[in-house]
C-alpha atoms as a PDB file:
ATOM      1  CA  MET A   1     -86.881 -28.312-119.381  1.00  0.00           C
ATOM      2  CA  ARG A   2     -89.943 -28.605-121.395  1.00  0.00           C
ATOM      3  CA  ARG A   3     -90.688 -25.339-122.918  1.00  0.00           C
ATOM      4  CA  LEU A   4     -89.223 -21.544-123.582  1.00  0.00           C
ATOM      5  CA  PRO A   5     -90.645 -19.020-122.026  1.00  0.00           C
ATOM      6  CA  THR A   6     -93.182 -17.938-124.641  1.00  0.00           C
ATOM      7  CA  ALA A   7     -95.005 -15.598-122.359  1.00  0.00           C
ATOM      8  CA  LEU A   8     -92.361 -12.891-123.895  1.00  0.00           C
ATOM      9  CA  ALA A   9     -94.039 -12.888-127.225  1.00  0.00           C
ATOM     10  CA  VAL A  10     -94.989  -9.265-128.242  1.00  0.00           C
ATOM     11  CA  LEU A  11     -97.893  -7.763-126.949  1.00  0.00           C
ATOM     12  CA  LEU A  12    -100.893  -6.186-128.982  1.00  0.00           C
ATOM     13  CA  LEU A  13    -102.532  -3.604-126.856  1.00  0.00           C
ATOM     14  CA  ALA A  14    -106.194  -3.633-127.592  1.00  0.00           C
ATOM     15  CA  ALA A  15    -107.540  -1.523-124.195  1.00  0.00           C
ATOM     16  CA  ALA A  16    -111.387  -1.294-124.259  1.00  0.00           C
ATOM     17  CA  SER A  17    -113.135   2.043-123.699  1.00  0.00           C
ATOM     18  CA  ALA A  18    -113.690   3.644-120.339  1.00  0.00           C
ATOM     19  CA  GLN A  19    -117.032   4.701-119.163  1.00  0.00           C
ATOM     20  CA  ALA A  20    -117.566   7.840-117.516  1.00  0.00           C
ATOM     21  CA  ALA A  21    -120.300   9.041-115.160  1.00  0.00           C
ATOM     22  CA  THR A  22    -122.056  10.429-117.630  1.00  0.00           C
ATOM     23  CA  GLU A  23    -120.846   9.885-121.387  1.00  0.00           C
ATOM     24  CA  PRO A  24    -118.139   7.434-122.883  1.00  0.00           C
ATOM     25  CA  ALA A  25    -114.780   8.843-122.216  1.00  0.00           C
ATOM     26  CA  PRO A  26    -112.381   8.525-125.372  1.00  0.00           C
ATOM     27  CA  PRO A  27    -110.514   4.755-125.385  1.00  0.00           C
ATOM     28  CA  PRO A  28    -107.065   4.816-124.246  1.00  0.00           C
ATOM     29  CA  ALA A  29    -104.213   5.500-126.590  1.00  0.00           C
ATOM     30  CA  VAL A  30    -103.005   2.253-128.409  1.00  0.00           C
ATOM     31  CA  THR A  31     -99.254   1.836-127.643  1.00  0.00           C
ATOM     32  CA  PRO A  32     -97.593   0.909-130.744  1.00  0.00           C
ATOM     33  CA  LEU A  33     -96.099  -2.757-130.858  1.00  0.00           C
ATOM     34  CA  ALA A  34     -92.241  -2.578-130.425  1.00  0.00           C
ATOM     35  CA  ALA A  35     -90.185  -4.114-133.085  1.00  0.00           C
ATOM     36  CA  HIS A  36     -86.943  -4.675-130.876  1.00  0.00           C
ATOM     37  CA  ARG A  37     -83.987  -6.520-129.891  1.00  0.00           C
ATOM     38  CA  ALA A  38     -83.245  -7.539-126.164  1.00  0.00           C
ATOM     39  CA  THR A  39     -80.585  -9.499-124.586  1.00  0.00           C
ATOM     40  CA  TYR A  40     -81.450 -11.071-121.042  1.00  0.00           C
ATOM     41  CA  THR A  41     -78.818 -12.196-118.451  1.00  0.00           C
ATOM     42  CA  LEU A  42     -80.095 -15.349-116.776  1.00  0.00           C
ATOM     43  CA  SER A  43     -79.170 -16.337-113.035  1.00  0.00           C
ATOM     44  CA  LEU A  44     -80.433 -18.957-110.647  1.00  0.00           C
ATOM     45  CA  ASP A  45     -82.832 -18.082-108.151  1.00  0.00           C
ATOM     46  CA  SER A  46     -83.575 -21.311-106.484  1.00  0.00           C
ATOM     47  CA  ALA A  47     -83.799 -25.114-107.112  1.00  0.00           C
ATOM     48  CA  ARG A  48     -85.752 -28.006-105.581  1.00  0.00           C
ATOM     49  CA  ASP A  49     -84.507 -31.191-104.167  1.00  0.00           C
ATOM     50  CA  GLY A  50     -80.773 -30.109-104.574  1.00  0.00           C
ATOM     51  CA  ASP A  51     -80.288 -31.735-108.035  1.00  0.00           C
ATOM     52  CA  VAL A  52     -79.211 -28.335-109.545  1.00  0.00           C
ATOM     53  CA  VAL A  53     -76.335 -26.403-107.497  1.00  0.00           C
ATOM     54  CA  ALA A  54     -75.830 -23.611-109.920  1.00  0.00           C
ATOM     55  CA  ALA A  55     -77.057 -22.279-113.240  1.00  0.00           C
ATOM     56  CA  THR A  56     -76.079 -19.234-115.561  1.00  0.00           C
ATOM     57  CA  GLY A  57     -77.221 -18.361-119.047  1.00  0.00           C
ATOM     58  CA  ASN A  58     -78.398 -15.612-121.485  1.00  0.00           C
ATOM     59  CA  MET A  59     -81.399 -15.106-123.741  1.00  0.00           C
ATOM     60  CA  ASN A  60     -81.473 -13.234-127.005  1.00  0.00           C
ATOM     61  CA  TYR A  61     -84.946 -12.134-128.203  1.00  0.00           C
ATOM     62  CA  GLU A  62     -85.731 -10.212-131.212  1.00  0.00           C
ATOM     63  CA  VAL A  63     -89.282  -9.171-132.710  1.00  0.00           C
ATOM     64  CA  ILE A  64     -89.430  -8.169-136.761  1.00  0.00           C
ATOM     65  CA  ASP A  65     -92.350  -6.215-137.940  1.00  0.00           C
ATOM     66  CA  ALA A  66     -93.398  -8.366-141.300  1.00  0.00           C
ATOM     67  CA  CYS A  67     -96.105  -6.069-142.002  1.00  0.00           C
ATOM     68  CA  ASP A  68     -98.858  -8.621-141.811  1.00  0.00           C
ATOM     69  CA  ALA A  69     -97.550 -10.737-139.385  1.00  0.00           C
ATOM     70  CA  TRP A  70     -94.827 -10.675-136.481  1.00  0.00           C
ATOM     71  CA  ALA A  71     -91.453 -12.663-136.724  1.00  0.00           C
ATOM     72  CA  VAL A  72     -90.011 -13.810-133.186  1.00  0.00           C
ATOM     73  CA  GLN A  73     -86.601 -15.441-132.882  1.00  0.00           C
ATOM     74  CA  GLN A  74     -85.171 -16.588-129.557  1.00  0.00           C
ATOM     75  CA  ARG A  75     -82.366 -18.376-128.245  1.00  0.00           C
ATOM     76  CA  LEU A  76     -82.144 -19.395-124.826  1.00  0.00           C
ATOM     77  CA  ASP A  77     -78.678 -20.562-123.845  1.00  0.00           C
ATOM     78  CA  MET A  78     -78.029 -22.092-120.224  1.00  0.00           C
ATOM     79  CA  THR A  79     -75.235 -23.988-118.631  1.00  0.00           C
ATOM     80  CA  ILE A  80     -76.584 -25.776-115.244  1.00  0.00           C
ATOM     81  CA  THR A  81     -74.339 -27.603-112.679  1.00  0.00           C
ATOM     82  CA  ASN A  82     -75.668 -30.366-110.890  1.00  0.00           C
ATOM     83  CA  ARG A  83     -74.960 -32.055-107.300  1.00  0.00           C
ATOM     84  CA  ASP A  84     -71.834 -34.100-108.825  1.00  0.00           C
ATOM     85  CA  GLY A  85     -70.396 -31.029-110.429  1.00  0.00           C
ATOM     86  CA  GLN A  86     -71.170 -31.825-113.909  1.00  0.00           C
ATOM     87  CA  ASP A  87     -72.111 -29.014-116.298  1.00  0.00           C
ATOM     88  CA  ILE A  88     -74.908 -29.492-118.538  1.00  0.00           C
ATOM     89  CA  HIS A  89     -75.123 -27.215-121.573  1.00  0.00           C
ATOM     90  CA  MET A  90     -78.798 -26.422-122.964  1.00  0.00           C
ATOM     91  CA  ILE A  91     -79.797 -24.587-125.802  1.00  0.00           C
ATOM     92  CA  SER A  92     -83.379 -23.729-127.233  1.00  0.00           C
ATOM     93  CA  ASP A  93     -83.810 -22.278-130.526  1.00  0.00           C
ATOM     94  CA  TYR A  94     -87.641 -21.167-130.874  1.00  0.00           C
ATOM     95  CA  THR A  95     -88.837 -19.078-134.302  1.00  0.00           C
ATOM     96  CA  THR A  96     -92.397 -18.252-135.056  1.00  0.00           C
ATOM     97  CA  TRP A  97     -94.193 -16.496-137.707  1.00  0.00           C
ATOM     98  CA  GLU A  98     -97.621 -15.205-136.395  1.00  0.00           C
ATOM     99  CA  ALA A  99    -100.330 -13.465-138.502  1.00  0.00           C
ATOM    100  CA  LYS A 100    -101.491 -10.239-137.071  1.00  0.00           C
ATOM    101  CA  ASN A 101    -105.226 -11.282-137.465  1.00  0.00           C
ATOM    102  CA  GLY A 102    -104.392 -14.395-134.911  1.00  0.00           C
ATOM    103  CA  LEU A 103    -105.646 -16.892-137.488  1.00  0.00           C
ATOM    104  CA  ARG A 104    -102.230 -18.585-138.442  1.00  0.00           C
ATOM    105  CA  LEU A 105     -98.790 -19.427-136.905  1.00  0.00           C
ATOM    106  CA  ARG A 106     -95.860 -21.229-138.259  1.00  0.00           C
ATOM    107  CA  PHE A 107     -93.316 -22.329-135.771  1.00  0.00           C
ATOM    108  CA  ARG A 108     -90.135 -24.417-134.878  1.00  0.00           C
ATOM    109  CA  MET A 109     -88.223 -24.957-131.823  1.00  0.00           C
ATOM    110  CA  ARG A 110     -85.038 -27.155-131.360  1.00  0.00           C
ATOM    111  CA  GLN A 111     -83.671 -28.032-128.142  1.00  0.00           C
ATOM    112  CA  THR A 112     -80.237 -29.694-127.508  1.00  0.00           C
ATOM    113  CA  THR A 113     -78.408 -30.615-124.422  1.00  0.00           C
ATOM    114  CA  ASP A 114     -74.601 -30.719-124.603  1.00  0.00           C
ATOM    115  CA  THR A 115     -74.235 -32.115-128.549  1.00  0.00           C
ATOM    116  CA  ALA A 116     -77.640 -34.433-128.319  1.00  0.00           C
ATOM    117  CA  VAL A 117     -80.879 -33.028-130.030  1.00  0.00           C
ATOM    118  CA  THR A 118     -83.456 -33.561-127.220  1.00  0.00           C
ATOM    119  CA  GLN A 119     -86.752 -32.143-128.703  1.00  0.00           C
ATOM    120  CA  ILE A 120     -87.597 -30.577-131.994  1.00  0.00           C
ATOM    121  CA  THR A 121     -91.016 -29.280-133.090  1.00  0.00           C
ATOM    122  CA  SER A 122     -92.213 -27.530-136.200  1.00  0.00           C
ATOM    123  CA  GLY A 123     -95.262 -27.110-138.331  1.00  0.00           C
ATOM    124  CA  GLU A 124     -98.066 -24.679-138.787  1.00  0.00           C
ATOM    125  CA  ALA A 125    -101.283 -24.213-136.917  1.00  0.00           C
ATOM    126  CA  THR A 126    -104.800 -22.451-138.116  1.00  0.00           C
ATOM    127  CA  VAL A 127    -108.154 -21.604-136.672  1.00  0.00           C
ATOM    128  CA  GLN A 128    -110.940 -21.077-139.082  1.00  0.00           C
ATOM    129  CA  ARG A 129    -112.083 -17.694-137.682  1.00  0.00           C
ATOM    130  CA  ALA A 130    -111.402 -15.457-134.379  1.00  0.00           C
ATOM    131  CA  GLY A 131    -112.496 -17.606-131.475  1.00  0.00           C
ATOM    132  CA  GLY A 132    -113.006 -20.544-133.706  1.00  0.00           C
ATOM    133  CA  PRO A 133    -111.650 -24.355-133.648  1.00  0.00           C
ATOM    134  CA  GLY A 134    -108.629 -24.901-135.729  1.00  0.00           C
ATOM    135  CA  GLU A 135    -105.907 -27.575-136.220  1.00  0.00           C
ATOM    136  CA  ILE A 136    -102.231 -28.335-135.982  1.00  0.00           C
ATOM    137  CA  HIS A 137    -100.109 -29.809-138.593  1.00  0.00           C
ATOM    138  CA  TYR A 138     -96.815 -31.124-137.162  1.00  0.00           C
ATOM    139  CA  ALA A 139     -93.939 -31.817-139.354  1.00  0.00           C
ATOM    140  CA  GLU A 140     -91.815 -32.674-136.731  1.00  0.00           C
ATOM    141  CA  PRO A 141     -91.484 -34.723-134.351  1.00  0.00           C
ATOM    142  CA  GLU A 142     -93.426 -36.724-136.833  1.00  0.00           C
ATOM    143  CA  ASP A 143     -95.934 -36.027-139.439  1.00  0.00           C
ATOM    144  CA  SER A 144     -99.128 -35.706-137.541  1.00  0.00           C
ATOM    145  CA  ILE A 145    -102.640 -33.572-137.109  1.00  0.00           C
ATOM    146  CA  LYS A 146    -103.993 -32.386-133.950  1.00  0.00           C
ATOM    147  CA  PRO A 147    -107.052 -30.705-133.174  1.00  0.00           C
ATOM    148  CA  LEU A 148    -107.533 -27.059-131.807  1.00  0.00           C
ATOM    149  CA  PRO A 149    -110.505 -26.320-129.543  1.00  0.00           C
ATOM    150  CA  ALA A 150    -112.409 -23.194-129.901  1.00  0.00           C
ATOM    151  CA  GLY A 151    -110.945 -20.200-128.603  1.00  0.00           C
ATOM    152  CA  THR A 152    -107.526 -21.044-128.732  1.00  0.00           C
ATOM    153  CA  LEU A 153    -105.110 -18.367-129.090  1.00  0.00           C
ATOM    154  CA  PHE A 154    -101.379 -18.150-130.548  1.00  0.00           C
ATOM    155  CA  PRO A 155     -98.824 -16.078-128.421  1.00  0.00           C
ATOM    156  CA  MET A 156     -99.124 -12.631-129.237  1.00  0.00           C
ATOM    157  CA  ALA A 157    -102.957 -12.862-129.469  1.00  0.00           C
ATOM    158  CA  HIS A 158    -102.788 -14.717-126.027  1.00  0.00           C
ATOM    159  CA  THR A 159    -100.627 -11.929-124.552  1.00  0.00           C
ATOM    160  CA  ALA A 160    -102.817  -9.437-126.022  1.00  0.00           C
ATOM    161  CA  ARG A 161    -105.811 -10.665-124.293  1.00  0.00           C
ATOM    162  CA  ILE A 162    -103.923 -10.307-120.831  1.00  0.00           C
ATOM    163  CA  ILE A 163    -102.850  -6.992-121.477  1.00  0.00           C
ATOM    164  CA  GLU A 164    -106.470  -5.738-122.457  1.00  0.00           C
ATOM    165  CA  ALA A 165    -107.606  -7.340-119.290  1.00  0.00           C
ATOM    166  CA  ALA A 166    -104.941  -5.438-117.359  1.00  0.00           C
ATOM    167  CA  GLU A 167    -106.030  -2.127-118.894  1.00  0.00           C
ATOM    168  CA  GLN A 168    -109.683  -2.882-117.708  1.00  0.00           C
ATOM    169  CA  GLY A 169    -108.409  -3.871-114.288  1.00  0.00           C
ATOM    170  CA  LYS A 170    -109.026  -7.575-114.255  1.00  0.00           C
ATOM    171  CA  LYS A 171    -106.699  -9.757-112.215  1.00  0.00           C
ATOM    172  CA  PHE A 172    -107.393 -13.458-113.450  1.00  0.00           C
ATOM    173  CA  LEU A 173    -107.772 -14.986-116.966  1.00  0.00           C
ATOM    174  CA  ALA A 174    -108.031 -18.559-118.100  1.00  0.00           C
ATOM    175  CA  LEU A 175    -107.091 -19.077-121.942  1.00  0.00           C
ATOM    176  CA  PRO A 176    -106.083 -21.500-124.220  1.00  0.00           C
ATOM    177  CA  LEU A 177    -102.952 -21.220-126.058  1.00  0.00           C
ATOM    178  CA  PHE A 178    -100.774 -22.928-128.726  1.00  0.00           C
ATOM    179  CA  ASP A 179     -97.224 -21.836-128.952  1.00  0.00           C
ATOM    180  CA  GLY A 180     -95.670 -24.886-130.936  1.00  0.00           C
ATOM    181  CA  THR A 181     -92.968 -25.656-128.037  1.00  0.00           C
ATOM    182  CA  THR A 182     -94.444 -29.153-127.644  1.00  0.00           C
ATOM    183  CA  ALA A 183     -95.634 -31.961-129.475  1.00  0.00           C
ATOM    184  CA  THR A 184     -98.450 -32.547-127.433  1.00  0.00           C
ATOM    185  CA  GLY A 185    -100.799 -29.696-128.442  1.00  0.00           C
ATOM    186  CA  PRO A 186    -102.493 -26.812-127.090  1.00  0.00           C
ATOM    187  CA  ASP A 187    -102.294 -25.667-123.218  1.00  0.00           C
ATOM    188  CA  ASP A 188    -104.582 -24.252-120.725  1.00  0.00           C
ATOM    189  CA  THR A 189    -103.136 -21.205-119.112  1.00  0.00           C
ATOM    190  CA  PHE A 190    -104.187 -19.543-115.962  1.00  0.00           C
ATOM    191  CA  VAL A 191    -103.077 -15.833-115.503  1.00  0.00           C
ATOM    192  CA  ILE A 192    -102.862 -13.731-112.583  1.00  0.00           C
ATOM    193  CA  ILE A 193    -102.604 -10.069-113.237  1.00  0.00           C
ATOM    194  CA  THR A 194    -100.814  -8.878-109.831  1.00  0.00           C
ATOM    195  CA  SER A 195    -100.505  -4.995-111.020  1.00  0.00           C
ATOM    196  CA  TRP A 196    -101.001  -2.383-113.872  1.00  0.00           C
ATOM    197  CA  ASN A 197     -99.118   1.103-113.032  1.00  0.00           C
ATOM    198  CA  GLN A 198     -98.838   4.253-114.571  1.00  0.00           C
ATOM    199  CA  PRO A 199     -95.467   5.350-116.119  1.00  0.00           C
ATOM    200  CA  GLU A 200     -92.105   5.711-114.207  1.00  0.00           C
ATOM    201  CA  PRO A 201     -88.774   6.465-114.994  1.00  0.00           C
ATOM    202  CA  TYR A 202     -86.673   3.385-115.874  1.00  0.00           C
ATOM    203  CA  ARG A 203     -83.188   2.615-116.765  1.00  0.00           C
ATOM    204  CA  PHE A 204     -84.109   2.177-120.235  1.00  0.00           C
ATOM    205  CA  PRO A 205     -85.640   5.646-121.309  1.00  0.00           C
ATOM    206  CA  GLU A 206     -87.703   4.408-124.111  1.00  0.00           C
ATOM    207  CA  LEU A 207     -89.656   2.524-121.447  1.00  0.00           C
ATOM    208  CA  SER A 208     -90.246   5.496-118.913  1.00  0.00           C
ATOM    209  CA  ASP A 209     -93.379   6.931-120.646  1.00  0.00           C
ATOM    210  CA  LEU A 210     -95.261   3.467-120.677  1.00  0.00           C
ATOM    211  CA  PRO A 211     -97.684   1.691-118.277  1.00  0.00           C
ATOM    212  CA  SER A 212     -96.437  -1.614-117.055  1.00  0.00           C
ATOM    213  CA  GLY A 213     -97.256  -4.130-114.589  1.00  0.00           C
ATOM    214  CA  ARG A 214     -96.523  -7.890-113.150  1.00  0.00           C
ATOM    215  CA  VAL A 215     -98.016 -10.731-114.766  1.00  0.00           C
ATOM    216  CA  HIS A 216     -97.620 -14.557-113.618  1.00  0.00           C
ATOM    217  CA  VAL A 217     -98.561 -17.214-116.119  1.00  0.00           C
ATOM    218  CA  SER A 218     -99.003 -20.942-115.574  1.00  0.00           C
ATOM    219  CA  PHE A 219     -99.336 -23.384-118.187  1.00  0.00           C
ATOM    220  CA  PHE A 220    -100.814 -26.880-118.117  1.00  0.00           C
ATOM    221  CA  GLU A 221    -101.347 -29.735-120.729  1.00  0.00           C
ATOM    222  CA  HIS A 222    -104.630 -28.720-122.188  1.00  0.00           C
ATOM    223  CA  ALA A 223    -107.779 -30.916-120.563  1.00  0.00           C
ATOM    224  CA  SER A 224    -105.509 -32.644-118.337  1.00  0.00           C
ATOM    225  CA  GLN A 225    -106.217 -33.366-114.658  1.00  0.00           C
ATOM    226  CA  HIS A 226    -102.953 -32.200-113.361  1.00  0.00           C
ATOM    227  CA  GLN A 227    -103.028 -29.662-110.624  1.00  0.00           C
ATOM    228  CA  VAL A 228     -99.318 -28.586-111.026  1.00  0.00           C
ATOM    229  CA  PRO A 229     -98.265 -26.642-113.966  1.00  0.00           C
ATOM    230  CA  ASP A 230     -95.649 -27.831-116.430  1.00  0.00           C
ATOM    231  CA  TYR A 231     -94.107 -24.258-116.610  1.00  0.00           C
ATOM    232  CA  GLU A 232     -94.715 -21.212-114.774  1.00  0.00           C
ATOM    233  CA  VAL A 233     -93.369 -17.705-115.801  1.00  0.00           C
ATOM    234  CA  GLY A 234     -93.605 -14.238-114.090  1.00  0.00           C
ATOM    235  CA  GLN A 235     -92.524 -10.961-115.877  1.00  0.00           C
ATOM    236  CA  ARG A 236     -92.973  -7.237-115.793  1.00  0.00           C
ATOM    237  CA  TYR A 237     -94.522  -5.995-118.940  1.00  0.00           C
ATOM    238  CA  TRP A 238     -94.773  -2.856-120.489  1.00  0.00           C
ATOM    239  CA  SER A 239     -97.468  -1.842-123.086  1.00  0.00           C
ATOM    240  CA  ASN A 240     -95.221  -2.146-126.110  1.00  0.00           C
ATOM    241  CA  GLY A 241     -94.361  -5.865-125.509  1.00  0.00           C
ATOM    242  CA  VAL A 242     -91.233  -5.316-123.905  1.00  0.00           C
ATOM    243  CA  ALA A 243     -90.555  -7.489-120.901  1.00  0.00           C
ATOM    244  CA  ASP A 244     -88.043  -7.515-117.790  1.00  0.00           C
ATOM    245  CA  ASP A 245     -87.540  -8.945-114.537  1.00  0.00           C
ATOM    246  CA  LEU A 246     -88.329 -12.383-115.482  1.00  0.00           C
ATOM    247  CA  GLN A 247     -89.023 -15.335-113.238  1.00  0.00           C
ATOM    248  CA  MET A 248     -88.963 -18.899-115.179  1.00  0.00           C
ATOM    249  CA  ASP A 249     -89.857 -21.726-113.131  1.00  0.00           C
ATOM    250  CA  PHE A 250     -88.851 -24.938-115.115  1.00  0.00           C
ATOM    251  CA  GLY A 251     -89.999 -27.206-112.059  1.00  0.00           C
ATOM    252  CA  ASP A 252     -86.578 -28.352-111.022  1.00  0.00           C
ATOM    253  CA  PHE A 253     -85.118 -24.719-110.574  1.00  0.00           C
ATOM    254  CA  VAL A 254     -86.019 -21.262-111.022  1.00  0.00           C
ATOM    255  CA  MET A 255     -84.294 -18.583-113.283  1.00  0.00           C
ATOM    256  CA  ASP A 256     -84.164 -14.929-112.945  1.00  0.00           C
ATOM    257  CA  GLY A 257     -83.903 -12.812-116.251  1.00  0.00           C
ATOM    258  CA  LYS A 258     -82.678  -9.496-116.251  1.00  0.00           C
ATOM    259  CA  LEU A 259     -82.819  -6.911-119.432  1.00  0.00           C
ATOM    260  CA  ALA A 260     -79.116  -6.315-120.109  1.00  0.00           C
ATOM    261  CA  THR A 261     -79.602  -4.507-123.742  1.00  0.00           C
ATOM    262  CA  PHE A 262     -82.265  -3.125-125.346  1.00  0.00           C
ATOM    263  CA  LYS A 263     -82.655  -1.458-128.983  1.00  0.00           C
ATOM    264  CA  LEU A 264     -85.952  -0.287-130.882  1.00  0.00           C
ATOM    265  CA  GLN A 265     -86.228  -1.538-134.249  1.00  0.00           C
ATOM    266  CA  PRO A 266     -87.551   0.296-137.216  1.00  0.00           C
ATOM    267  CA  HIS A 267     -91.200  -0.799-138.345  1.00  0.00           C
ATOM    268  CA  GLY A 268     -91.188  -2.184-141.884  1.00  0.00           C
ATOM    269  CA  CYS A 269     -94.509  -1.109-142.875  1.00  0.00           C
END
C-alpha cells in the first residue's frame, strides 16, 4: 500500500463565470468549504492474483478550518487476509496543514504493518508563487531537498482545480500534485470527471442541496514512463468537499468506502 487516498482532501470551489448569449451571467454561487468529521466503512471490492482473500477496515477523516489554512487528519485502518489465512493489520496516519493561498504544505505520514513501521514521511513544501516552481524539504525518512516543477499543486488546490473544471463542464485534466505521502517527490495525476449533477436528496440531508459528481484520479510518479498508475481513486464529490462511494485501488486489491457518519464542524474564522 503506497499512499493514502489523498483525493479526499477538502475542496475549494472556484467556479468560472458562465457566458450567456447576450451578456455575461452572474457567476455560480460559491459553496462554503465544509469543516467536518466523517468516518467510512471499508470493504473488499476485488483482488488481483488471489493474494488477498478478504479485507475490512475504516477510515476517520477530519477537516479543521485554521483560518488561513486547512488542517486535515486522516487515519486509515485495514485488516487484510492473505491466501494463507494470515491477517495483516495496516494503519496509516496522515496529517497536513495547507495554506489557503496554496503556497505552503506541512505534512506527516506514518504507516505501520502489524507492529512494524513500514513507511514514514514528514517535512514541508513551498512554491514561490501560484503556478511557480518550489521545493520539498523532507525531514523524514532522511533530511533531503527535492525540487517541485512549475505548476505543482498541493492537495486542496489540486482538488479545487478538479471541481472548477467540473463546474465548467470539462472531462479531462492532467495536473501535477505533491501530497507528502511518499519520499519520491511530486506525482503526475490524470483526472476523469464522469459526471457533475444538480442537487438531489441524499441520506445525509446536509448534502442534499449541493451539486455533486463522480471523479476518477490516477497517480503516476512524476516524469516516469510507467503506463500503469501507482494508485487510483474514484469517488462521488459534493461541492463542499465531502466525499462518498469511494473506490480505492491499491494495486493488489480494491477497497470500497461508504460514508458511515458525517458531522459538520463550526468554522473558526
